[in-house]
N, C-alpha and C. Protein backbone atom coordinates (compact mmCIF):
# COMPACT_ATOMS: atom_id res chain seq x y z
N MET A 1 0.59 -1.18 0.03
CA MET A 1 0.01 0.02 -0.15
C MET A 1 0.92 1.31 -0.15
N LEU A 2 0.53 2.22 -0.63
CA LEU A 2 1.35 3.54 -0.94
C LEU A 2 0.83 4.52 0.33
N ASN A 3 2.19 5.08 0.74
CA ASN A 3 1.75 5.93 2.04
C ASN A 3 0.88 7.52 0.99
N LYS A 4 0.50 7.87 2.14
CA LYS A 4 0.18 9.29 1.47
C LYS A 4 0.60 10.28 0.73
N GLY A 5 2.09 10.24 0.72
CA GLY A 5 3.01 11.27 -0.05
C GLY A 5 3.33 10.37 -1.23
N THR A 6 3.38 9.33 -1.21
CA THR A 6 3.89 8.56 -2.52
C THR A 6 2.65 8.71 -3.23
N LYS A 7 1.31 8.10 -3.08
CA LYS A 7 0.14 8.12 -3.61
C LYS A 7 -0.26 9.34 -4.06
N SER A 8 0.09 10.43 -3.65
CA SER A 8 0.01 12.17 -4.46
C SER A 8 0.84 11.68 -5.34
N GLU A 9 2.26 12.02 -4.99
CA GLU A 9 3.07 11.70 -6.07
C GLU A 9 2.72 10.71 -7.48
N GLU A 10 2.42 9.96 -7.14
CA GLU A 10 2.09 8.66 -8.18
C GLU A 10 0.64 9.20 -8.74
N ASP A 11 -0.24 9.80 -8.03
CA ASP A 11 -1.33 10.47 -8.59
C ASP A 11 -1.11 11.39 -9.70
N ARG A 12 -0.17 12.30 -9.31
CA ARG A 12 -0.01 13.31 -10.17
C ARG A 12 1.32 12.75 -11.24
N ARG A 13 2.04 11.47 -11.13
CA ARG A 13 2.77 11.02 -12.50
C ARG A 13 1.85 10.56 -13.28
N ILE A 14 0.66 10.39 -13.07
CA ILE A 14 -0.28 9.11 -13.89
C ILE A 14 -1.18 10.36 -14.00
N ASP A 15 -1.55 11.23 -13.86
CA ASP A 15 -2.41 12.31 -14.12
C ASP A 15 -1.64 13.09 -15.27
N SER A 16 -0.25 13.58 -15.05
CA SER A 16 0.59 13.80 -16.37
C SER A 16 0.36 13.00 -17.42
N ILE A 17 0.94 11.97 -17.37
CA ILE A 17 0.49 10.91 -18.36
C ILE A 17 -0.86 10.88 -19.33
N VAL A 18 -1.82 10.85 -18.84
CA VAL A 18 -3.23 10.87 -19.27
C VAL A 18 -3.38 12.27 -19.79
N GLN A 19 -3.09 13.41 -19.08
CA GLN A 19 -3.26 14.70 -19.55
C GLN A 19 -2.67 14.87 -20.98
N LYS A 20 -1.18 14.48 -20.94
CA LYS A 20 -0.42 14.56 -22.12
C LYS A 20 -1.08 13.51 -23.22
N LEU A 21 -1.44 12.56 -22.58
CA LEU A 21 -1.71 11.24 -23.91
C LEU A 21 -3.21 11.86 -24.75
N SER A 22 -4.03 12.65 -23.80
CA SER A 22 -5.13 13.45 -24.14
C SER A 22 -4.83 14.89 -25.17
N SER A 23 -4.17 15.41 -24.95
CA SER A 23 -3.65 16.66 -25.69
C SER A 23 -2.86 16.12 -26.83
N ILE A 24 -2.62 14.86 -27.14
CA ILE A 24 -1.94 14.70 -28.77
C ILE A 24 -3.26 14.05 -29.24
N GLY A 25 -3.23 14.79 -30.76
CA GLY A 25 -4.01 14.82 -31.54
C GLY A 25 -3.75 13.43 -32.51
N PHE A 26 -4.60 12.48 -32.86
CA PHE A 26 -4.45 11.20 -33.12
C PHE A 26 -4.36 11.26 -34.73
N THR A 27 -3.11 10.65 -35.09
CA THR A 27 -2.52 10.74 -36.61
C THR A 27 -2.05 9.86 -36.75
N SER A 28 -2.00 8.55 -36.94
CA SER A 28 -1.50 7.30 -36.98
C SER A 28 -0.47 7.15 -38.30
N GLU A 29 -0.46 8.08 -39.26
CA GLU A 29 0.36 7.94 -40.30
C GLU A 29 1.46 9.02 -39.99
N ASP A 30 1.36 9.69 -39.02
CA ASP A 30 2.46 10.63 -38.82
C ASP A 30 3.49 10.23 -37.89
N ALA A 31 4.76 10.28 -38.31
CA ALA A 31 5.46 9.63 -37.85
C ALA A 31 6.25 10.36 -36.24
N LEU A 32 5.82 12.18 -36.74
CA LEU A 32 5.86 12.84 -35.22
C LEU A 32 4.74 12.20 -33.97
N PHE A 33 4.07 12.20 -34.57
CA PHE A 33 2.63 11.95 -33.63
C PHE A 33 3.02 10.15 -32.83
N ILE A 34 3.62 9.64 -33.79
CA ILE A 34 3.85 8.07 -32.96
C ILE A 34 5.18 8.28 -32.15
N GLU A 35 6.00 9.05 -32.59
CA GLU A 35 7.11 9.24 -31.72
C GLU A 35 6.76 9.83 -30.70
N SER A 36 5.85 11.01 -30.11
CA SER A 36 5.14 11.52 -29.39
C SER A 36 4.43 10.52 -28.08
N LEU A 37 3.55 9.98 -28.99
CA LEU A 37 2.62 9.08 -28.44
C LEU A 37 3.85 7.98 -27.84
N ASP A 38 4.82 7.30 -28.50
CA ASP A 38 5.38 6.60 -27.97
C ASP A 38 6.17 6.60 -26.60
N GLU A 39 6.78 7.94 -26.43
CA GLU A 39 7.35 8.82 -25.49
C GLU A 39 6.10 8.72 -24.17
N GLU A 40 5.03 9.11 -24.24
CA GLU A 40 4.25 8.75 -23.07
C GLU A 40 3.96 7.35 -22.90
N LEU A 41 3.84 6.74 -23.79
CA LEU A 41 3.01 5.06 -23.68
C LEU A 41 4.43 4.39 -22.73
N LYS A 42 5.68 5.05 -23.15
CA LYS A 42 6.69 4.29 -22.30
C LYS A 42 6.49 4.09 -20.72
N LYS A 43 6.31 5.30 -20.72
CA LYS A 43 6.05 5.21 -19.11
C LYS A 43 4.93 4.34 -18.43
N ILE A 44 3.96 3.78 -19.65
CA ILE A 44 3.05 2.53 -18.88
C ILE A 44 3.45 1.37 -19.40
N GLY A 45 4.54 1.32 -19.68
CA GLY A 45 5.37 -0.17 -20.62
C GLY A 45 4.53 -0.42 -21.90
N LEU A 46 4.42 0.40 -22.36
CA LEU A 46 3.71 0.36 -23.89
C LEU A 46 4.30 1.14 -25.03
N ASN A 47 4.19 0.84 -26.00
CA ASN A 47 4.59 1.89 -27.32
C ASN A 47 3.35 1.65 -28.26
N TYR A 48 3.25 2.39 -29.16
CA TYR A 48 1.93 2.53 -29.93
C TYR A 48 1.68 1.03 -30.65
N GLN A 49 2.88 0.32 -31.24
CA GLN A 49 2.68 -1.05 -31.60
C GLN A 49 2.50 -1.96 -30.45
N GLU A 50 2.61 -1.93 -29.63
CA GLU A 50 2.25 -2.75 -28.39
C GLU A 50 0.72 -2.37 -28.21
N LEU A 51 0.37 -1.34 -28.20
CA LEU A 51 -0.74 -0.75 -27.56
C LEU A 51 -2.28 -1.39 -28.71
N LEU A 52 -1.66 -1.29 -29.83
CA LEU A 52 -2.31 -1.85 -31.18
C LEU A 52 -2.09 -3.51 -30.69
N ALA A 53 -1.42 -4.07 -30.28
CA ALA A 53 -1.18 -5.27 -30.19
C ALA A 53 -1.73 -6.19 -29.08
N ILE A 54 -1.75 -5.67 -28.10
CA ILE A 54 -2.38 -6.12 -26.74
C ILE A 54 -3.56 -6.34 -27.15
N SER A 55 -4.23 -7.29 -26.64
CA SER A 55 -5.80 -7.54 -26.20
C SER A 55 -6.36 -6.83 -25.37
N ALA A 56 -7.61 -6.65 -25.81
CA ALA A 56 -8.54 -6.06 -25.02
C ALA A 56 -8.94 -6.53 -23.48
N GLU A 57 -8.34 -8.06 -23.09
CA GLU A 57 -8.56 -8.54 -22.30
C GLU A 57 -7.53 -8.30 -21.30
N GLU A 58 -6.06 -8.46 -22.03
CA GLU A 58 -5.10 -8.10 -21.28
C GLU A 58 -4.55 -6.52 -20.52
N LEU A 59 -5.19 -5.41 -21.89
CA LEU A 59 -4.63 -3.87 -21.57
C LEU A 59 -5.20 -3.53 -20.07
N PRO A 60 -6.61 -4.01 -19.31
CA PRO A 60 -6.74 -3.52 -17.91
C PRO A 60 -5.77 -3.80 -17.08
N LEU A 61 -5.43 -5.32 -17.27
CA LEU A 61 -4.54 -5.73 -16.45
C LEU A 61 -3.59 -5.02 -16.18
N HIS A 62 -2.97 -4.90 -17.35
CA HIS A 62 -1.80 -4.33 -17.61
C HIS A 62 -1.43 -2.69 -17.27
N ILE A 63 -2.57 -2.28 -17.32
CA ILE A 63 -2.88 -0.60 -16.90
C ILE A 63 -2.76 -0.54 -15.33
N ARG A 64 -3.71 -1.42 -14.53
CA ARG A 64 -3.48 -1.76 -13.40
C ARG A 64 -2.03 -1.87 -12.75
N ARG A 65 -1.06 -2.24 -13.28
CA ARG A 65 0.01 -2.66 -12.76
C ARG A 65 0.64 -1.39 -12.61
N PHE A 66 0.34 -0.28 -13.33
CA PHE A 66 1.35 0.86 -13.14
C PHE A 66 0.32 1.94 -12.19
N ASN A 67 -0.51 1.53 -11.25
CA ASN A 67 -1.09 2.16 -10.33
C ASN A 67 -2.00 3.28 -10.81
N PHE A 68 -2.63 2.63 -11.92
CA PHE A 68 -3.76 3.73 -12.48
C PHE A 68 -4.99 3.44 -11.55
N GLY A 69 -5.63 4.67 -11.23
CA GLY A 69 -6.84 4.46 -10.26
C GLY A 69 -7.92 4.12 -11.38
N TRP A 70 -9.32 4.34 -10.75
CA TRP A 70 -10.23 3.67 -11.36
C TRP A 70 -10.46 5.05 -12.24
N ASP A 71 -10.74 6.27 -11.85
CA ASP A 71 -10.36 7.66 -12.56
C ASP A 71 -9.76 7.91 -13.66
N HIS A 72 -8.28 7.65 -13.29
CA HIS A 72 -7.26 7.86 -14.54
C HIS A 72 -7.74 6.36 -15.46
N MET A 73 -8.20 5.47 -15.00
CA MET A 73 -8.22 4.22 -16.11
C MET A 73 -9.51 4.67 -16.80
N GLU A 74 -10.50 5.39 -16.24
CA GLU A 74 -11.60 6.28 -17.27
C GLU A 74 -11.18 6.79 -17.75
N GLN A 75 -10.36 8.04 -17.58
CA GLN A 75 -9.45 9.09 -18.71
C GLN A 75 -8.84 8.39 -19.54
N PHE A 76 -8.02 7.24 -19.56
CA PHE A 76 -7.45 6.63 -20.45
C PHE A 76 -8.51 6.14 -21.14
N THR A 77 -9.43 5.37 -20.89
CA THR A 77 -10.48 4.65 -21.76
C THR A 77 -11.25 5.76 -22.73
N ASP A 78 -11.38 6.91 -22.19
CA ASP A 78 -12.10 7.75 -22.89
C ASP A 78 -11.23 8.41 -24.03
N ILE A 79 -9.88 8.44 -23.89
CA ILE A 79 -8.70 8.90 -24.95
C ILE A 79 -8.76 7.89 -26.15
N LEU A 80 -8.94 6.55 -25.56
CA LEU A 80 -8.80 5.50 -26.66
C LEU A 80 -10.38 5.41 -27.48
N VAL A 81 -11.20 6.04 -27.01
CA VAL A 81 -12.61 6.23 -27.45
C VAL A 81 -12.47 7.27 -28.57
N LYS A 82 -11.50 8.31 -28.16
CA LYS A 82 -11.35 9.46 -29.39
C LYS A 82 -10.68 8.94 -30.22
N TRP A 83 -9.44 8.52 -30.12
CA TRP A 83 -8.75 7.84 -31.03
C TRP A 83 -9.31 6.62 -31.82
N SER A 84 -10.26 6.15 -31.48
CA SER A 84 -11.19 4.83 -32.21
C SER A 84 -11.48 5.53 -33.71
N VAL A 85 -11.99 6.87 -33.59
CA VAL A 85 -12.55 7.39 -34.73
C VAL A 85 -11.56 7.02 -35.81
N THR A 86 -9.92 6.96 -35.60
CA THR A 86 -9.21 6.95 -36.53
C THR A 86 -8.29 5.54 -36.55
N GLU A 87 -8.23 4.78 -35.63
CA GLU A 87 -8.07 3.37 -35.24
C GLU A 87 -9.29 2.86 -34.47
N PRO A 88 -9.92 1.82 -35.43
CA PRO A 88 -11.30 1.07 -34.72
C PRO A 88 -10.88 0.08 -33.76
N SER A 89 -9.80 -0.23 -33.99
CA SER A 89 -9.47 -1.52 -32.97
C SER A 89 -9.36 -0.87 -31.42
N PHE A 90 -8.97 0.29 -31.17
CA PHE A 90 -9.57 1.26 -29.94
C PHE A 90 -10.33 0.91 -29.07
N LYS A 91 -11.71 0.89 -30.07
CA LYS A 91 -13.31 0.73 -29.56
C LYS A 91 -13.43 -0.43 -29.00
N ALA A 92 -13.15 -1.94 -29.47
CA ALA A 92 -13.15 -3.14 -28.55
C ALA A 92 -12.38 -2.63 -27.21
N LYS A 93 -11.20 -2.48 -27.16
CA LYS A 93 -10.43 -1.95 -26.10
C LYS A 93 -11.04 -1.43 -25.17
N ALA A 94 -11.48 -0.35 -25.49
CA ALA A 94 -12.50 0.94 -24.58
C ALA A 94 -13.31 0.40 -24.25
N LYS A 95 -14.72 -0.86 -24.48
CA LYS A 95 -15.62 -1.31 -23.97
C LYS A 95 -15.06 -2.13 -23.05
N VAL A 96 -13.88 -2.92 -22.97
CA VAL A 96 -13.56 -3.94 -22.37
C VAL A 96 -13.25 -3.05 -20.84
N LEU A 97 -12.33 -2.20 -21.25
CA LEU A 97 -11.68 -1.31 -20.18
C LEU A 97 -12.98 -0.93 -19.16
N TYR A 98 -13.81 0.13 -19.96
CA TYR A 98 -15.05 0.57 -19.27
C TYR A 98 -15.80 -0.62 -18.58
N GLN A 99 -15.95 -1.95 -18.92
CA GLN A 99 -16.28 -2.82 -18.58
C GLN A 99 -15.46 -3.47 -17.20
N PHE A 100 -14.24 -3.33 -17.47
CA PHE A 100 -13.21 -3.77 -16.17
C PHE A 100 -13.79 -2.69 -15.05
N ILE A 101 -13.83 -1.50 -15.45
CA ILE A 101 -13.99 -0.48 -14.62
C ILE A 101 -15.08 -1.11 -13.58
N GLN A 102 -16.10 -0.84 -14.30
CA GLN A 102 -17.59 -1.19 -13.72
C GLN A 102 -17.68 -2.45 -13.00
N ASN A 103 -17.09 -3.51 -13.07
CA ASN A 103 -16.93 -4.56 -12.72
C ASN A 103 -16.09 -4.66 -11.37
N GLU A 104 -15.04 -4.36 -11.58
CA GLU A 104 -13.68 -4.18 -10.68
C GLU A 104 -13.76 -3.33 -9.41
N SER A 105 -14.33 -1.94 -9.86
CA SER A 105 -14.47 -1.04 -8.73
C SER A 105 -15.25 -1.16 -7.90
N LYS A 106 -16.23 -2.20 -8.30
CA LYS A 106 -17.51 -2.41 -7.23
C LYS A 106 -18.58 -1.07 -7.04
N ALA A 107 -18.49 0.05 -8.08
CA ALA A 107 -19.29 0.91 -7.37
C ALA A 107 -20.26 1.03 -9.09
N PHE A 108 -21.00 1.04 -9.11
CA PHE A 108 -21.97 1.25 -10.21
C PHE A 108 -22.03 2.66 -10.90
N SER A 109 -21.38 3.07 -12.13
CA SER A 109 -21.91 4.08 -12.93
C SER A 109 -22.61 4.28 -13.82
N PHE A 110 -23.72 5.15 -13.62
CA PHE A 110 -24.47 5.38 -15.12
C PHE A 110 -23.65 6.14 -16.19
N ASP A 111 -22.50 6.90 -16.15
CA ASP A 111 -21.77 7.49 -17.02
C ASP A 111 -20.77 6.58 -17.73
N ILE A 112 -20.57 5.07 -16.93
CA ILE A 112 -19.85 4.48 -17.35
C ILE A 112 -20.85 3.63 -18.11
N MET A 113 -21.92 3.17 -17.80
CA MET A 113 -22.83 2.68 -18.46
C MET A 113 -23.15 3.59 -19.91
N THR A 114 -23.55 4.35 -19.70
CA THR A 114 -23.76 5.39 -20.87
C THR A 114 -22.83 5.21 -22.23
N LYS A 115 -21.65 5.17 -21.36
CA LYS A 115 -20.04 5.26 -22.31
C LYS A 115 -20.18 4.13 -22.86
N ILE A 116 -20.33 2.50 -22.11
CA ILE A 116 -20.35 1.41 -22.90
C ILE A 116 -21.54 1.21 -23.87
N SER A 117 -22.67 2.01 -23.58
CA SER A 117 -23.76 1.80 -24.74
C SER A 117 -23.37 2.53 -25.74
N ARG A 118 -22.84 3.53 -25.71
CA ARG A 118 -22.72 4.36 -26.89
C ARG A 118 -21.21 3.52 -28.09
N LEU A 119 -20.87 2.61 -27.29
CA LEU A 119 -19.86 1.64 -28.55
C LEU A 119 -20.57 0.61 -29.05
């Protein structure tokens, strides 16, 4: 279990990753985009090609290993949904992530259920 100071530091680190990923406009054909994306994804043990290749079922477990809380996991999933317009494989991964959050967090969320139904 993380102590209060470490948890706060870890939350700031994860928040920084999520915010940076959110600010990146998704263009899979742009080498600069992929480089920028890989730079952020490596902080959670991935790169763009690995994000494409990882199964929808493995992704939530992978992200949890990097101490993502439910709120950060939901924000990461929201990013995948946004990117799924260009990369359709992200849609299935996002749906599994939302379902994972809903099931594992033990807290029912109408917001997440709405997001799932939109996919």
